[in-house]
């Protein structure tokens, strides 16, 4: 079954209604079919209904005080709907229900018995993981749904690709699945072609446009998503990422703090809050998350938890704790290594330089420069560690178009603080459309 943020589109509901009207269950009960069509269309149009208004519209001679035609027909309709979805409609895509109550508003949901919904549910559950292997499997699930005209499947494929892009820029390139952002954008737009009113497709398009630093377009896409479903759009992380990038720090922090507070067991929400607080220099508050049970349970097998912890301890000057974190044994899943020594050599060079071991920092830089496949932000950090500020800025400028999500916050990352007084770095931020450093 889709997550709570997914409901059938208007076209899907109307197609389901037409399909149901062909069934003998409704062909042989014209009053029930007539009432079904009326309440579905009025619900889609968000028009208010009462027993009296229905009676006057559908039943000739109806009087409020002397007729129970509407109530009786509605009772029979509910039984017919139950019968239909228990038999010939058991695997239909959309389920239509008429709940008890005076509003006569129908409820539309995706059918968990439908095969594509079961596959979709599996894919979405895998996207909530921070393990690279889970994301690859989720991606493959959505790829296999791409030939189905199902907007949530297309939008979730975009989501899975974006998450894989994120991880591929923070882990060893050797095994990472790299994704073209134009391809991700294409799946957002195919979802919108299927259902122009699907909020999540607009939201994901805003996320892609943020990654592409197309700030005005991203703002419009996010605005449309919030217009369509403000509650559900408020519970996703990509909009706060955008807000932080364009300088709306207080709004971004308010959103991620609220989500983390409401979801204490949600590892993604807790990590997002910690990362946002780190780049906005709330280092003491980040430590509260690091010392919490979720971080402690994942430090040995999660690249993000370990990276946030090392960067934050480095910012706080706690080099003893940094060494303890870096001494943890390498962890692996079926797809990639979580070794900080393989995946974050530039960060380690900064640590060694801070500890006064410039020779090791120089050696790390030399090893990074030998391999052109090393991630540019790690090489830039190693340049910073040995005092090569201009080389670091030149490397960052040359790699702006590689889709690295770190670049959205280039003006914020504490590890790049040594660059912020340099005129070339300020020019780079202007070129990117980012706010200048404080």
Protein backbone atom coordinates (compact mmCIF):
# COMPACT_ATOMS: atom_id res chain seq x y z
CA UNK A 1 0.00 0.00 0.00
CA UNK A 2 1.34 3.47 -0.79
CA UNK A 3 2.45 5.71 2.01
CA UNK A 4 -0.06 8.14 3.49
CA UNK A 5 1.07 10.90 1.16
CA UNK A 6 -0.24 8.99 -1.88
CA UNK A 7 -3.89 9.06 -2.93
CA UNK A 8 -5.41 8.20 -6.29
CA UNK A 9 -5.59 10.97 -8.87
CA UNK A 10 -8.88 12.31 -10.22
CA UNK A 11 -8.36 10.46 -13.52
CA UNK A 12 -7.65 7.19 -11.70
CA UNK A 13 -10.83 7.58 -9.65
CA UNK A 14 -12.97 8.33 -12.70
CA UNK A 15 -11.49 5.38 -14.60
CA UNK A 16 -12.26 3.15 -11.63
CA UNK A 17 -15.83 4.47 -11.47
CA UNK A 18 -16.44 3.75 -15.16
CA UNK A 19 -14.99 0.27 -14.74
CA UNK A 20 -17.29 -0.44 -11.78
CA UNK A 21 -20.40 0.73 -13.63
CA UNK A 22 -19.81 -2.06 -16.17
CA UNK A 23 -20.17 -4.65 -13.42
CA UNK A 24 -23.47 -6.54 -13.08
CA UNK A 25 -23.44 -5.55 -9.41
CA UNK A 26 -24.20 -1.96 -10.41
CA UNK A 27 -25.84 -2.58 -13.81
CA UNK A 28 -28.63 -4.46 -12.02
CA UNK A 29 -29.04 -1.75 -9.37
CA UNK A 30 -29.54 1.56 -11.23
CA UNK A 31 -30.41 3.62 -8.14
CA UNK A 32 -27.22 2.53 -6.40
CA UNK A 33 -25.19 3.23 -9.53
CA UNK A 34 -26.80 6.65 -9.85
CA UNK A 35 -26.00 7.49 -6.23
CA UNK A 36 -22.43 6.21 -6.63
CA UNK A 37 -21.79 8.45 -9.63
CA UNK A 38 -23.33 11.45 -7.85
CA UNK A 39 -21.33 11.15 -4.60
CA UNK A 40 -18.06 10.38 -6.40
CA UNK A 41 -18.35 13.37 -8.72
CA UNK A 42 -19.37 15.71 -5.88
CA UNK A 43 -16.53 14.47 -3.69
CA UNK A 44 -14.00 15.06 -6.47
CA UNK A 45 -15.44 18.55 -6.97
CA UNK A 46 -15.22 19.16 -3.19
CA UNK A 47 -18.90 20.09 -3.12
CA UNK A 48 -20.96 19.76 0.04
CA UNK A 49 -23.70 17.12 0.09
CA UNK A 50 -26.63 16.46 2.41
CA UNK A 51 -29.32 13.81 2.40
CA UNK A 52 -31.83 16.48 1.39
CA UNK A 53 -29.77 17.80 -1.54
CA UNK A 54 -29.15 14.27 -2.83
CA UNK A 55 -32.82 13.33 -2.51
CA UNK A 56 -34.04 16.36 -4.44
CA UNK A 57 -31.48 15.77 -7.20
CA UNK A 58 -31.87 12.02 -7.68
CA UNK A 59 -35.27 10.89 -6.43
CA UNK A 60 -38.44 12.40 -7.98
CA UNK A 61 -41.08 13.20 -5.39
CA UNK A 62 -38.56 13.20 -2.57
CA UNK A 63 -39.55 15.14 0.56
CA UNK A 64 -37.35 15.55 3.57
CA UNK A 65 -40.02 14.56 6.09
CA UNK A 66 -41.67 11.69 4.26
CA UNK A 67 -38.95 9.78 2.43
CA UNK A 68 -35.97 7.65 3.41
CA UNK A 69 -34.93 6.85 -0.16
CA UNK A 70 -31.45 8.31 0.24
CA UNK A 71 -30.61 6.48 3.47
CA UNK A 72 -31.91 3.14 2.20
CA UNK A 73 -30.11 3.46 -1.15
CA UNK A 74 -26.89 4.49 0.59
CA UNK A 75 -27.08 1.44 2.86
CA UNK A 76 -27.54 -0.85 -0.14
CA UNK A 77 -24.72 0.94 -1.99
CA UNK A 78 -22.30 0.30 0.87
CA UNK A 79 -23.16 -3.40 0.73
CA UNK A 80 -22.69 -3.43 -3.05
CA UNK A 81 -19.27 -1.78 -2.72
CA UNK A 82 -18.21 -4.36 -0.13
CA UNK A 83 -19.42 -7.16 -2.40
CA UNK A 84 -17.70 -5.71 -5.47
CA UNK A 85 -14.28 -5.29 -3.85
CA UNK A 86 -14.51 -8.73 -2.26
CA UNK A 87 -15.08 -10.35 -5.66
CA UNK A 88 -14.45 -9.01 -9.16
CA UNK A 89 -12.86 -5.77 -7.91
CA UNK A 90 -10.50 -7.46 -5.48
CA UNK A 91 -7.41 -6.47 -7.48
CA UNK A 92 -8.59 -3.16 -8.96
CA UNK A 93 -6.12 -0.32 -8.58
CA UNK A 94 -8.46 2.08 -6.73
CA UNK A 95 -10.90 1.32 -3.90
CA UNK A 96 -13.99 3.53 -3.54
CA UNK A 97 -15.80 3.57 -0.20
CA UNK A 98 -18.83 5.41 1.19
CA UNK A 99 -18.21 5.77 4.93
CA UNK A 100 -21.10 6.06 7.38
CA UNK A 101 -22.07 9.61 8.27
CA UNK A 102 -24.10 12.59 7.08
CA UNK A 103 -21.55 14.01 4.64
CA UNK A 104 -21.89 11.29 1.96
CA UNK A 105 -18.29 11.98 0.94
CA UNK A 106 -16.60 9.02 -0.72
CA UNK A 107 -13.10 7.87 0.20
CA UNK A 108 -10.54 6.89 -2.43
CA UNK A 109 -7.51 4.72 -1.68
CA UNK A 110 -5.08 2.53 -3.56
CA UNK A 111 -5.80 -1.18 -3.30
CA UNK A 112 -3.09 -3.03 -1.34
CA UNK A 113 -4.05 -6.24 -3.16
CA UNK A 114 -2.99 -4.82 -6.51
CA UNK A 115 0.39 -6.18 -7.56
CA UNK A 116 1.89 -2.81 -8.51
CA UNK A 117 0.85 -1.43 -5.11
CA UNK A 118 2.60 -4.28 -3.31
CA UNK A 119 5.73 -3.60 -5.33
CA UNK A 120 5.41 0.12 -4.71
CA UNK A 121 5.07 -0.49 -0.96
CA UNK A 122 8.25 -2.56 -1.00
CA UNK A 123 10.14 0.17 -2.87
CA UNK A 124 9.01 2.93 -0.52
CA UNK A 125 10.00 0.91 2.55
CA UNK A 126 13.49 0.49 1.12
CA UNK A 127 13.82 4.23 0.45
CA UNK A 128 13.50 4.88 4.17
CA UNK A 129 16.83 3.12 4.70
CA UNK A 130 20.26 4.75 4.76
CA UNK A 131 21.93 1.56 3.51
CA UNK A 132 23.19 1.87 -0.03
CA UNK A 133 22.19 -1.71 -0.86
CA UNK A 134 18.58 -1.08 0.19
CA UNK A 135 18.41 2.02 -1.98
CA UNK A 136 19.73 0.13 -4.99
CA UNK A 137 17.07 -2.55 -4.54
CA UNK A 138 14.37 0.13 -4.12
CA UNK A 139 15.60 1.80 -7.29
CA UNK A 140 15.30 -1.49 -9.18
CA UNK A 141 11.73 -1.92 -7.92
CA UNK A 142 10.69 1.46 -9.30
CA UNK A 143 12.56 0.95 -12.58
CA UNK A 144 10.35 -2.10 -13.13
CA UNK A 145 7.24 0.07 -12.67
CA UNK A 146 8.26 2.69 -15.20
CA UNK A 147 6.07 1.32 -17.99
CA UNK A 148 2.96 1.60 -15.78
CA UNK A 149 0.98 4.85 -15.88
CA UNK A 150 1.22 5.27 -12.13
CA UNK A 151 2.39 8.71 -10.99
CA UNK A 152 3.60 7.65 -7.50
CA UNK A 153 5.84 5.03 -9.11
CA UNK A 154 7.47 7.57 -11.45
CA UNK A 155 7.84 10.14 -8.68
CA UNK A 156 9.34 7.57 -6.32
CA UNK A 157 11.80 6.51 -9.02
CA UNK A 158 12.96 10.14 -9.08
CA UNK A 159 13.19 10.07 -5.29
CA UNK A 160 15.26 6.87 -5.27
CA UNK A 161 17.62 8.26 -7.92
CA UNK A 162 18.10 11.46 -5.93
CA UNK A 163 18.93 9.52 -2.78
CA UNK A 164 21.39 7.36 -4.69
CA UNK A 165 22.95 10.53 -6.11
CA UNK A 166 23.31 11.84 -2.57
CA UNK A 167 25.05 8.73 -1.32
CA UNK A 168 27.22 8.40 -4.43
CA UNK A 169 28.70 11.82 -3.67
CA UNK A 170 29.52 10.89 -0.09
CA UNK A 171 30.87 7.37 -0.54
CA UNK A 172 33.54 5.69 -2.61
CA UNK A 173 32.83 6.10 -6.32
CA UNK A 174 34.17 2.64 -6.93
CA UNK A 175 30.81 0.96 -6.36
CA UNK A 176 28.34 3.83 -6.35
CA UNK A 177 25.51 4.03 -8.87
CA UNK A 178 25.85 7.50 -10.36
CA UNK A 179 22.73 9.17 -11.70
CA UNK A 180 22.24 11.95 -14.24
CA UNK A 181 20.11 14.72 -12.73
CA UNK A 182 18.45 15.32 -16.10
CA UNK A 183 17.20 11.73 -15.93
CA UNK A 184 15.80 12.33 -12.45
CA UNK A 185 14.03 15.45 -13.72
CA UNK A 186 12.57 13.40 -16.57
CA UNK A 187 10.83 11.02 -14.16
CA UNK A 188 9.38 13.95 -12.20
CA UNK A 189 7.94 15.33 -15.41
CA UNK A 190 6.58 11.95 -16.53
CA UNK A 191 4.79 11.68 -13.16
CA UNK A 192 3.26 15.12 -13.77
CA UNK A 193 2.21 14.11 -17.26
CA UNK A 194 0.28 11.22 -15.70
CA UNK A 195 -1.17 13.33 -12.87
CA UNK A 196 -0.54 17.12 -12.99
CA UNK A 197 -2.04 17.48 -9.50
CA UNK A 198 0.27 15.00 -7.78
CA UNK A 199 1.98 17.00 -5.04
CA UNK A 200 4.97 14.67 -4.61
CA UNK A 201 5.97 14.99 -8.28
CA UNK A 202 6.05 18.80 -7.95
CA UNK A 203 8.01 18.44 -4.70
CA UNK A 204 10.61 16.13 -6.24
CA UNK A 205 10.93 18.46 -9.24
CA UNK A 206 11.73 21.27 -6.79
CA UNK A 207 14.38 19.06 -5.20
CA UNK A 208 16.03 18.35 -8.56
CA UNK A 209 15.93 22.02 -9.52
CA UNK A 210 17.59 22.87 -6.20
CA UNK A 211 20.37 20.42 -6.97
CA UNK A 212 20.76 22.11 -10.35
CA UNK A 213 20.88 25.50 -8.54
CA UNK A 214 17.83 26.66 -10.49
CA UNK A 215 16.56 28.50 -7.43
CA UNK A 216 13.57 30.36 -8.92
CA UNK A 217 12.19 27.26 -10.63
CA UNK A 218 12.68 25.25 -7.44
CA UNK A 219 10.76 27.80 -5.39
CA UNK A 220 7.82 27.61 -7.83
CA UNK A 221 7.78 23.80 -7.82
CA UNK A 222 7.86 23.63 -4.02
CA UNK A 223 5.11 26.28 -3.82
CA UNK A 224 2.91 24.17 -6.07
CA UNK A 225 3.52 21.09 -3.92
CA UNK A 226 2.53 23.02 -0.78
CA UNK A 227 -0.54 24.40 -2.54
CA UNK A 228 -1.66 20.85 -3.36
CA UNK A 229 -0.88 19.29 0.02
CA UNK A 230 0.73 21.55 2.64
CA UNK A 231 0.67 18.99 5.46
CA UNK A 232 2.41 16.21 3.58
CA UNK A 233 4.88 18.55 1.90
CA UNK A 234 5.90 19.86 5.32
CA UNK A 235 7.13 16.42 6.38
CA UNK A 236 9.79 15.98 3.68
CA UNK A 237 13.40 17.13 3.89
CA UNK A 238 14.14 18.54 0.42
CA UNK A 239 12.32 21.83 0.98
CA UNK A 240 14.30 22.64 4.14
CA UNK A 241 17.47 21.82 2.14
CA UNK A 242 16.39 24.45 -0.39
CA UNK A 243 15.53 26.98 2.30
CA UNK A 244 18.93 26.60 3.92
CA UNK A 245 20.67 26.98 0.56
CA UNK A 246 18.94 30.28 -0.23
CA UNK A 247 19.55 31.74 3.23
CA UNK A 248 16.19 31.13 4.97
CA UNK A 249 17.96 29.48 7.90
CA UNK A 250 15.35 29.96 10.64
CA UNK A 251 12.54 28.43 8.58
CA UNK A 252 14.70 25.47 7.58
CA UNK A 253 15.77 24.74 11.15
CA UNK A 254 12.23 25.10 12.47
CA UNK A 255 11.00 22.48 10.00
CA UNK A 256 13.71 19.88 10.64
CA UNK A 257 13.58 20.36 14.41
CA UNK A 258 9.80 19.89 14.39
CA UNK A 259 10.03 16.75 12.27
CA UNK A 260 12.74 15.26 14.49
CA UNK A 261 10.72 16.07 17.62
CA UNK A 262 7.58 14.45 16.22
CA UNK A 263 9.48 11.38 14.97
CA UNK A 264 11.99 10.38 17.67
CA UNK A 265 12.33 6.89 16.20
CA UNK A 266 12.81 8.02 12.60
CA UNK A 267 16.51 7.73 11.81
CA UNK A 268 16.27 9.91 8.70
CA UNK A 269 14.57 12.71 10.63
CA UNK A 270 17.18 12.59 13.40
CA UNK A 271 20.10 12.57 10.95
CA UNK A 272 18.61 15.43 8.95
CA UNK A 273 18.24 17.55 12.08
CA UNK A 274 21.82 16.82 13.13
CA UNK A 275 23.21 17.69 9.69
CA UNK A 276 21.23 20.95 9.43
CA UNK A 277 22.34 21.97 12.91
CA UNK A 278 25.97 21.19 12.09
CA UNK A 279 26.13 23.34 8.97
CA UNK A 280 24.43 26.19 10.86
CA UNK A 281 27.04 25.87 13.63
CA UNK A 282 24.78 24.65 16.39
CA UNK A 283 27.50 22.20 17.35
CA UNK A 284 26.39 21.72 20.95
CA UNK A 285 22.87 20.80 19.87
CA UNK A 286 24.26 18.34 17.33
CA UNK A 287 26.14 16.58 20.12
CA UNK A 288 22.81 15.83 21.81
CA UNK A 289 21.79 13.87 18.74
CA UNK A 290 25.18 12.15 18.50
CA UNK A 291 24.94 11.07 22.13
CA UNK A 292 21.41 9.74 21.56
CA UNK A 293 20.52 6.07 21.04
CA UNK A 294 19.95 6.28 17.26
CA UNK A 295 23.41 7.60 16.46
CA UNK A 296 25.08 5.23 18.89
CA UNK A 297 23.35 2.25 17.31
CA UNK A 298 24.37 3.19 13.76
CA UNK A 299 27.90 4.60 14.11
CA UNK A 300 29.46 1.24 13.25
CA UNK A 301 27.57 0.70 10.01
CA UNK A 302 26.45 4.02 8.63
CA UNK A 303 28.59 6.48 6.69
CA UNK A 304 26.34 9.46 7.46
CA UNK A 305 26.27 9.01 11.22
CA UNK A 306 30.03 8.62 11.34
CA UNK A 307 30.72 11.56 9.02
CA UNK A 308 28.43 13.93 10.96
CA UNK A 309 30.02 12.84 14.22
CA UNK A 310 33.60 13.34 12.99
CA UNK A 311 32.87 16.75 11.42
CA UNK A 312 31.09 17.94 14.54
CA UNK A 313 33.77 16.77 16.95
CA UNK A 314 36.38 18.43 14.72
CA UNK A 315 34.41 21.69 14.82
CA UNK A 316 34.24 21.44 18.62
CA UNK A 317 37.99 20.76 18.79
CA UNK A 318 37.51 17.37 20.46
CA UNK A 319 40.38 15.59 18.68
CA UNK A 320 40.42 12.70 21.15
CA UNK A 321 36.85 11.82 20.24
CA UNK A 322 37.66 12.25 16.54
CA UNK A 323 40.49 9.69 16.86
CA UNK A 324 38.16 7.29 18.69
CA UNK A 325 35.59 7.56 15.89
CA UNK A 326 38.18 7.09 13.16
CA UNK A 327 39.58 4.00 14.84
CA UNK A 328 36.30 2.10 14.44
CA UNK A 329 36.64 -1.02 12.27
CA UNK A 330 35.54 -0.89 8.66
CA UNK A 331 31.94 -1.96 8.05
CA UNK A 332 30.44 -3.20 4.81
CA UNK A 333 27.21 -4.18 3.19
CA UNK A 334 26.90 -5.97 -0.13
CA UNK A 335 27.50 -2.78 -2.14
CA UNK A 336 30.02 -0.53 -0.50
CA UNK A 337 32.43 0.08 2.35
CA UNK A 338 31.69 2.38 5.26
CA UNK A 339 35.40 2.92 5.88
CA UNK A 340 36.06 6.55 6.75
CA UNK A 341 39.66 6.00 5.64
CA UNK A 342 38.53 5.14 2.13
CA UNK A 343 35.59 7.49 1.75
CA UNK A 344 36.60 10.61 3.68
CA UNK A 345 40.35 10.99 3.26
CA UNK A 346 40.08 14.76 2.83
CA UNK A 347 38.29 15.05 6.15
CA UNK A 348 40.97 12.91 7.76
CA UNK A 349 43.64 15.22 6.27
CA UNK A 350 41.94 18.16 8.03
CA UNK A 351 41.98 16.19 11.28
CA UNK A 352 45.69 15.36 10.96
CA UNK A 353 46.53 18.98 10.14
CA UNK A 354 44.59 20.12 13.19
CA UNK A 355 46.59 17.62 15.26
CA UNK A 356 49.81 19.15 13.92
CA UNK A 357 50.65 16.21 11.65
CA UNK A 358 51.14 18.17 8.43
CA UNK A 359 53.27 15.43 6.88
CA UNK A 360 50.40 12.92 6.99
CA UNK A 361 48.04 15.55 5.59
CA UNK A 362 50.49 16.11 2.70
CA UNK A 363 50.69 12.35 2.10
CA UNK A 364 46.90 12.07 1.99
CA UNK A 365 46.69 14.92 -0.53
CA UNK A 366 49.32 13.25 -2.71
CA UNK A 367 47.39 9.96 -2.69
CA UNK A 368 44.13 11.72 -3.56
CA UNK A 369 45.73 13.55 -6.48
CA UNK A 370 46.97 10.24 -7.93
CA UNK A 371 43.40 9.03 -8.51
CA UNK A 372 41.24 11.26 -10.77
CA UNK A 373 38.14 9.41 -9.56
CA UNK A 374 38.38 10.80 -6.04
CA UNK A 375 35.58 13.09 -4.98
CA UNK A 376 36.44 16.79 -5.45
CA UNK A 377 35.21 17.92 -2.04
CA UNK A 378 37.60 15.46 -0.37
CA UNK A 379 40.52 16.66 -2.50
CA UNK A 380 39.55 20.27 -1.71
CA UNK A 381 39.57 19.48 2.03
CA UNK A 382 43.06 18.00 1.68
CA UNK A 383 44.24 21.15 -0.13
CA UNK A 384 42.81 23.22 2.74
CA UNK A 385 44.57 20.98 5.27
CA UNK A 386 47.98 21.89 3.83
CA UNK A 387 47.14 25.55 3.27
CA UNK A 388 46.56 25.45 -0.50
CA UNK A 389 43.51 27.70 -0.49
CA UNK A 390 43.59 28.83 -4.13
CA UNK A 391 43.96 25.23 -5.34
CA UNK A 392 40.95 24.20 -3.27
CA UNK A 393 38.78 27.01 -4.70
CA UNK A 394 39.88 26.25 -8.27
CA UNK A 395 38.96 22.59 -7.81
CA UNK A 396 35.53 23.47 -6.41
CA UNK A 397 34.81 25.82 -9.32
CA UNK A 398 35.85 23.18 -11.86
CA UNK A 399 33.51 20.58 -10.35
CA UNK A 400 30.35 22.69 -9.97
CA UNK A 401 28.44 20.79 -12.63
CA UNK A 402 29.02 17.27 -11.33
CA UNK A 403 25.72 17.27 -9.43
CA UNK A 404 27.30 17.15 -5.99
CA UNK A 405 24.62 17.94 -3.37
CA UNK A 406 27.29 19.47 -1.10
CA UNK A 407 27.53 22.43 -3.47
CA UNK A 408 24.05 23.67 -2.47
CA UNK A 409 25.49 24.44 0.96
CA UNK A 410 28.99 25.43 -0.17
CA UNK A 411 28.67 28.71 1.73
CA UNK A 412 27.72 26.90 4.94
CA UNK A 413 29.96 23.86 5.51
CA UNK A 414 32.30 24.52 8.45
CA UNK A 415 35.06 22.47 6.78
CA UNK A 416 35.27 25.18 4.10
CA UNK A 417 35.59 28.05 6.58
CA UNK A 418 39.24 28.70 5.62
CA UNK A 419 38.07 29.64 2.11
CA UNK A 420 35.47 32.20 3.08
CA UNK A 421 37.68 35.27 3.25
CA UNK A 422 39.17 34.74 -0.18
CA UNK A 423 37.82 36.95 -3.01
CA UNK A 424 37.74 34.01 -5.43
CA UNK A 425 35.49 32.06 -3.07
CA UNK A 426 33.13 35.01 -2.72
CA UNK A 427 32.99 35.28 -6.52
CA UNK A 428 32.23 31.56 -6.71
CA UNK A 429 29.25 31.94 -4.38
CA UNK A 430 27.91 34.83 -6.46
CA UNK A 431 28.26 32.69 -9.59
CA UNK A 432 26.24 29.94 -7.90
CA UNK A 433 23.53 32.31 -6.67
CA UNK A 434 24.28 31.47 -3.04
CA UNK A 435 24.30 33.94 -0.13
CA UNK A 436 27.79 35.13 0.77
CA UNK A 437 29.53 34.03 3.98
CA UNK A 438 28.76 35.96 7.12
